[in-house]
Amino acid sequence: MRKSSLLLVVAAAAVLAACTRPADDAAKTPAGATAPAKAAANVATVNGKPITAELFDVFSKAVMGGADQAPTDEQRTQMVDQLINMTLAAQAAEKDGLAKDPAVQARLELMRTQILAEAASEKYVKSHPVSDSELRAEYDAQVAAMPKEYKARHILVDAKEAAEAIIAKLEGGGDFAKLAKAESKDSSAANGGDLGWFSPQTMVKPFADAVAALQKGQYTKQPVQSEFGWHVILLEDVRSPEVPDFEQVKPQVEMFTQRKKLQAHLEELRKAATVQK
């Protein structure tokens, strides 16, 4: 019997990096030369506190979902106004002493930790790119681990004795499909118990284990119990799953491999750290 399955949608979170260049990347002014005029660094000032262009860029990317295109003039105006309002609210919070509130301090520390962790992860990924050989090795490993697919029929009844009686009829030369139509309580009975092609993960474990133990053309000699009742199972065919071309899934393999490398790096950091719980 098939299990109810949930489609797990894995959404990758975008890491928003600050636009400021490292100090050693900045162009140095030659001796005796006049330093070029700096571009306007602030988009607004609130009670003397500047809202920098860098802050606006990070905020803009967050609002627009990390999109590379520049906001329209209308969007830019709206986002500047939002930043002004946020800055005013933050200044009011500072004035009211909320920055000293333990709960607020904990939230600020959590955000700081998260941002630094994301920055460190991003730096590691950039400095440790995945090679083509690593991608191919991961692809081959995933392909090798893909489970086989099975084509089977089954007969489902309520009692073990009824299943044993069906097996006795099969031993006497009974036709599996006809017995399924006559005695199975499953919806597949109308098709002679035909379940079509399936992978083991789509079936409840006792059923999947029983199918995997059969040879092509064999049926179970003992009834198989699951949460749905008692099964008699006939394995008709086995095949390897259709494998997508490497180039077709290369982006997904690259993302998965990068995450594995990052996780291994974090585990190494953890081993070298003093952690107490």
Protein backbone atom coordinates (compact mmCIF):
# COMPACT_ATOMS: atom_id res chain seq x y z
CA MET A 1 0.00 0.00 0.00
CA ARG A 2 1.22 3.48 -0.82
CA LYS A 3 2.01 5.98 1.92
CA SER A 4 0.75 9.54 1.85
CA SER A 5 3.69 11.61 0.64
CA LEU A 6 4.54 15.23 1.24
CA LEU A 7 6.35 17.27 -1.38
CA LEU A 8 9.22 18.89 0.46
CA VAL A 9 10.09 22.11 -1.22
CA VAL A 10 13.55 23.12 -0.35
CA ALA A 11 13.95 26.84 -0.85
CA ALA A 12 17.48 28.26 -0.84
CA ALA A 13 17.85 31.42 1.30
CA ALA A 14 19.65 34.34 -0.38
CA VAL A 15 22.58 35.78 1.58
CA LEU A 16 22.62 39.57 1.39
CA ALA A 17 26.18 40.87 1.58
CA ALA A 18 27.18 44.44 2.31
CA CYS A 19 28.41 46.38 -0.68
CA THR A 20 31.44 47.92 1.08
CA ARG A 21 34.80 47.01 -0.48
CA PRO A 22 37.67 45.78 1.75
CA ALA A 23 40.12 48.48 2.70
CA ASP A 24 43.01 46.88 0.82
CA ASP A 25 40.95 46.90 -2.38
CA ALA A 26 40.41 50.64 -2.28
CA ALA A 27 42.35 52.67 -4.81
CA LYS A 28 45.22 54.55 -3.22
CA THR A 29 45.89 58.18 -4.18
CA PRO A 30 49.44 58.63 -5.54
CA ALA A 31 51.71 61.04 -3.68
CA GLY A 32 51.07 64.63 -4.70
CA ALA A 33 47.88 63.80 -6.55
CA THR A 34 44.54 65.27 -5.64
CA ALA A 35 42.09 62.78 -4.21
CA PRO A 36 38.99 62.42 -6.39
CA ALA A 37 35.76 63.79 -5.03
CA LYS A 38 33.76 61.15 -3.19
CA ALA A 39 30.27 60.27 -4.35
CA ALA A 40 27.44 61.13 -2.02
CA ALA A 41 27.64 58.54 0.77
CA ASN A 42 24.28 59.15 2.40
CA VAL A 43 20.73 58.88 1.12
CA ALA A 44 19.31 60.74 4.13
CA THR A 45 20.15 62.05 7.59
CA VAL A 46 17.81 61.63 10.56
CA ASN A 47 18.52 63.80 13.62
CA GLY A 48 22.16 63.86 12.59
CA LYS A 49 22.37 60.08 11.99
CA PRO A 50 23.27 59.26 8.37
CA ILE A 51 21.52 56.57 6.34
CA THR A 52 24.38 55.47 4.14
CA ALA A 53 24.23 54.34 0.53
CA GLU A 54 25.63 50.98 1.62
CA LEU A 55 22.81 50.50 4.12
CA PHE A 56 20.27 51.48 1.48
CA ASP A 57 21.75 48.97 -0.99
CA VAL A 58 21.48 46.11 1.51
CA PHE A 59 17.93 47.13 2.41
CA SER A 60 16.96 47.44 -1.26
CA LYS A 61 18.20 43.94 -2.06
CA ALA A 62 16.33 42.54 0.92
CA VAL A 63 13.09 44.25 -0.10
CA MET A 64 13.43 43.20 -3.74
CA GLY A 65 14.33 39.61 -2.94
CA GLY A 66 17.97 39.88 -3.92
CA ALA A 67 17.15 41.03 -7.45
CA ASP A 68 20.01 42.69 -9.31
CA GLN A 69 17.95 45.31 -11.09
CA ALA A 70 17.92 48.80 -9.62
CA PRO A 71 14.68 49.99 -8.03
CA THR A 72 12.56 52.52 -9.88
CA ASP A 73 12.52 56.11 -8.68
CA GLU A 74 9.18 55.49 -6.99
CA GLN A 75 10.45 52.35 -5.27
CA ARG A 76 13.62 54.12 -4.19
CA THR A 77 11.60 56.96 -2.65
CA GLN A 78 9.40 54.50 -0.79
CA MET A 79 12.38 52.55 0.53
CA VAL A 80 14.18 55.69 1.69
CA ASP A 81 11.02 56.71 3.54
CA GLN A 82 10.86 53.26 5.13
CA LEU A 83 14.46 53.55 6.30
CA ILE A 84 13.77 57.02 7.71
CA ASN A 85 10.76 55.71 9.64
CA MET A 86 12.75 52.71 10.90
CA THR A 87 15.57 55.02 12.01
CA LEU A 88 13.12 57.30 13.83
CA ALA A 89 11.57 54.29 15.60
CA ALA A 90 15.03 52.99 16.53
CA GLN A 91 16.05 56.37 17.90
CA ALA A 92 12.87 56.46 19.98
CA ALA A 93 13.67 52.97 21.30
CA GLU A 94 17.19 54.09 22.25
CA LYS A 95 15.75 57.13 24.02
CA ASP A 96 13.33 54.93 25.96
CA GLY A 97 16.15 52.64 27.06
CA LEU A 98 14.89 49.61 25.10
CA ALA A 99 18.41 48.80 23.93
CA LYS A 100 19.16 47.82 27.54
CA ASP A 101 16.19 45.46 27.74
CA PRO A 102 17.52 41.86 28.08
CA ALA A 103 15.05 40.49 25.53
CA VAL A 104 15.98 43.17 23.00
CA GLN A 105 19.69 42.64 23.63
CA ALA A 106 19.23 38.90 23.05
CA ARG A 107 17.45 39.55 19.74
CA LEU A 108 20.17 41.97 18.64
CA GLU A 109 22.85 39.43 19.54
CA LEU A 110 21.00 36.72 17.63
CA MET A 111 20.81 38.91 14.52
CA ARG A 112 24.49 39.80 14.82
CA THR A 113 25.44 36.13 15.18
CA GLN A 114 23.30 35.15 12.20
CA ILE A 115 24.73 37.87 9.95
CA LEU A 116 28.33 37.03 10.89
CA ALA A 117 27.66 33.32 10.38
CA GLU A 118 26.20 33.99 6.93
CA ALA A 119 29.16 36.18 6.02
CA ALA A 120 31.63 33.53 7.18
CA SER A 121 29.77 30.81 5.26
CA GLU A 122 29.69 32.92 2.13
CA LYS A 123 33.42 33.62 2.40
CA TYR A 124 34.20 29.92 2.86
CA VAL A 125 32.11 28.90 -0.15
CA LYS A 126 33.78 31.52 -2.34
CA SER A 127 37.28 30.52 -1.25
CA HIS A 128 36.59 26.77 -1.56
CA PRO A 129 34.82 26.35 -4.91
CA VAL A 130 33.59 22.93 -5.92
CA SER A 131 35.70 21.30 -8.63
CA ASP A 132 34.28 19.44 -11.63
CA SER A 133 35.76 16.20 -10.31
CA GLU A 134 33.94 16.70 -6.99
CA LEU A 135 30.68 17.37 -8.83
CA ARG A 136 31.06 14.25 -10.96
CA ALA A 137 31.91 12.13 -7.92
CA GLU A 138 28.85 13.39 -6.04
CA TYR A 139 26.63 12.80 -9.08
CA ASP A 140 27.92 9.24 -9.45
CA ALA A 141 27.37 8.57 -5.74
CA GLN A 142 23.80 9.87 -5.91
CA VAL A 143 23.06 7.79 -8.99
CA ALA A 144 24.47 4.66 -7.33
CA ALA A 145 22.29 5.27 -4.27
CA MET A 146 19.07 5.62 -6.25
CA PRO A 147 16.72 2.75 -5.30
CA LYS A 148 15.41 0.32 -7.89
CA GLU A 149 11.82 0.51 -9.08
CA TYR A 150 9.42 -2.41 -8.86
CA LYS A 151 6.30 -3.52 -10.72
CA ALA A 152 4.04 -5.68 -8.59
CA ARG A 153 0.54 -6.92 -7.92
CA HIS A 154 -0.96 -7.58 -4.52
CA ILE A 155 -4.03 -8.98 -2.84
CA LEU A 156 -5.16 -7.27 0.37
CA VAL A 157 -7.42 -9.02 2.90
CA ASP A 158 -8.40 -8.45 6.53
CA ALA A 159 -7.26 -11.75 8.07
CA LYS A 160 -4.06 -13.75 7.99
CA GLU A 161 -6.04 -16.94 7.43
CA ALA A 162 -7.62 -15.47 4.30
CA ALA A 163 -4.18 -14.55 2.96
CA GLU A 164 -2.88 -18.05 3.68
CA ALA A 165 -5.85 -19.53 1.80
CA ILE A 166 -5.01 -17.34 -1.22
CA ILE A 167 -1.37 -18.47 -1.13
CA ALA A 168 -2.60 -22.08 -1.09
CA LYS A 169 -4.67 -21.40 -4.21
CA LEU A 170 -1.63 -19.86 -5.92
CA GLU A 171 0.41 -22.95 -4.99
CA GLY A 172 -2.26 -24.99 -6.68
CA GLY A 173 -1.89 -23.02 -9.92
CA GLY A 174 -4.36 -20.21 -9.27
CA ASP A 175 -4.18 -17.05 -11.39
CA PHE A 176 -2.98 -14.09 -9.31
CA ALA A 177 -4.91 -11.41 -11.22
CA LYS A 178 -8.18 -13.37 -11.05
CA LEU A 179 -7.75 -14.00 -7.33
CA ALA A 180 -7.06 -10.31 -6.78
CA LYS A 181 -10.24 -9.31 -8.61
CA ALA A 182 -12.28 -11.81 -6.60
CA GLU A 183 -10.85 -11.40 -3.11
CA SER A 184 -8.76 -8.20 -2.67
CA LYS A 185 -10.30 -5.31 -0.79
CA ASP A 186 -7.83 -2.82 -2.27
CA SER A 187 -8.84 -0.40 -5.03
CA SER A 188 -6.31 -2.13 -7.28
CA ALA A 189 -8.53 -5.25 -7.33
CA ALA A 190 -10.33 -4.06 -10.47
CA ASN A 191 -6.96 -4.18 -12.29
CA GLY A 192 -6.04 -7.58 -10.95
CA GLY A 193 -4.08 -6.07 -8.06
CA ASP A 194 -1.74 -4.21 -10.44
CA LEU A 195 0.18 -1.43 -8.64
CA GLY A 196 2.25 -0.36 -11.63
CA TRP A 197 5.83 0.86 -11.17
CA PHE A 198 6.83 2.26 -7.79
CA SER A 199 9.87 2.92 -5.61
CA PRO A 200 10.15 1.40 -2.12
CA GLN A 201 9.91 4.84 -0.46
CA THR A 202 6.30 5.20 -1.65
CA MET A 203 5.19 2.06 0.19
CA VAL A 204 4.81 1.22 3.86
CA LYS A 205 7.93 -0.50 5.18
CA PRO A 206 6.65 -4.11 5.61
CA PHE A 207 5.34 -4.06 2.04
CA ALA A 208 8.53 -2.48 0.63
CA ASP A 209 10.76 -4.95 2.51
CA ALA A 210 8.75 -7.91 1.23
CA VAL A 211 8.92 -6.70 -2.38
CA ALA A 212 12.69 -6.13 -2.17
CA ALA A 213 13.19 -9.70 -0.92
CA LEU A 214 11.40 -11.26 -3.92
CA GLN A 215 12.86 -12.39 -7.20
CA LYS A 216 11.17 -11.46 -10.46
CA GLY A 217 8.12 -13.71 -10.94
CA GLN A 218 7.93 -14.77 -7.29
CA TYR A 219 5.09 -14.16 -4.84
CA THR A 220 5.24 -14.07 -1.05
CA LYS A 221 4.96 -17.53 0.50
CA GLN A 222 3.87 -16.02 3.82
CA PRO A 223 1.28 -13.26 4.34
CA VAL A 224 2.75 -9.77 4.82
CA GLN A 225 1.12 -7.67 7.53
CA SER A 226 0.91 -3.87 7.34
CA GLU A 227 -1.28 -1.22 8.89
CA PHE A 228 -3.78 -1.83 6.07
CA GLY A 229 -4.22 -5.57 6.55
CA TRP A 230 -2.61 -8.73 5.16
CA HIS A 231 -0.94 -8.79 1.74
CA VAL A 232 -0.03 -11.42 -0.80
CA ILE A 233 2.45 -9.85 -3.23
CA LEU A 234 3.63 -10.84 -6.71
CA LEU A 235 6.75 -9.19 -8.09
CA GLU A 236 6.46 -8.89 -11.87
CA ASP A 237 9.49 -6.80 -12.84
CA VAL A 238 12.43 -4.74 -11.58
CA ARG A 239 14.25 -1.85 -13.25
CA SER A 240 16.80 0.84 -12.51
CA PRO A 241 15.31 4.34 -12.29
CA GLU A 242 15.69 6.78 -15.13
CA VAL A 243 18.79 8.86 -14.39
CA PRO A 244 18.88 12.56 -15.39
CA ASP A 245 21.85 13.71 -17.47
CA PHE A 246 24.73 15.19 -15.45
CA GLU A 247 24.55 18.57 -17.19
CA GLN A 248 20.81 18.72 -16.55
CA VAL A 249 21.18 18.48 -12.78
CA LYS A 250 24.65 20.04 -12.42
CA PRO A 251 23.41 23.22 -10.66
CA GLN A 252 21.55 21.18 -8.03
CA VAL A 253 24.53 18.86 -7.56
CA GLU A 254 26.82 21.87 -7.15
CA MET A 255 24.58 23.42 -4.49
CA PHE A 256 24.33 20.11 -2.63
CA THR A 257 28.10 19.54 -2.78
CA GLN A 258 28.83 23.07 -1.56
CA ARG A 259 26.54 22.53 1.40
CA LYS A 260 28.27 19.26 2.23
CA LYS A 261 31.68 20.97 2.15
CA LEU A 262 30.40 23.80 4.33
CA GLN A 263 28.86 21.35 6.79
CA ALA A 264 32.15 19.44 6.99
CA HIS A 265 33.96 22.73 7.66
CA LEU A 266 31.53 23.58 10.46
CA GLU A 267 32.04 20.14 11.98
CA GLU A 268 35.80 20.71 11.97
CA LEU A 269 35.31 24.07 13.70
CA ARG A 270 33.12 22.37 16.26
CA LYS A 271 35.75 19.69 16.94
CA ALA A 272 38.38 22.37 17.54
CA ALA A 273 36.09 24.41 19.80
CA THR A 274 35.29 24.08 23.48
CA VAL A 275 31.54 23.52 23.62
CA GLN A 276 29.63 22.98 26.83
CA LYS A 277 25.91 22.25 27.06
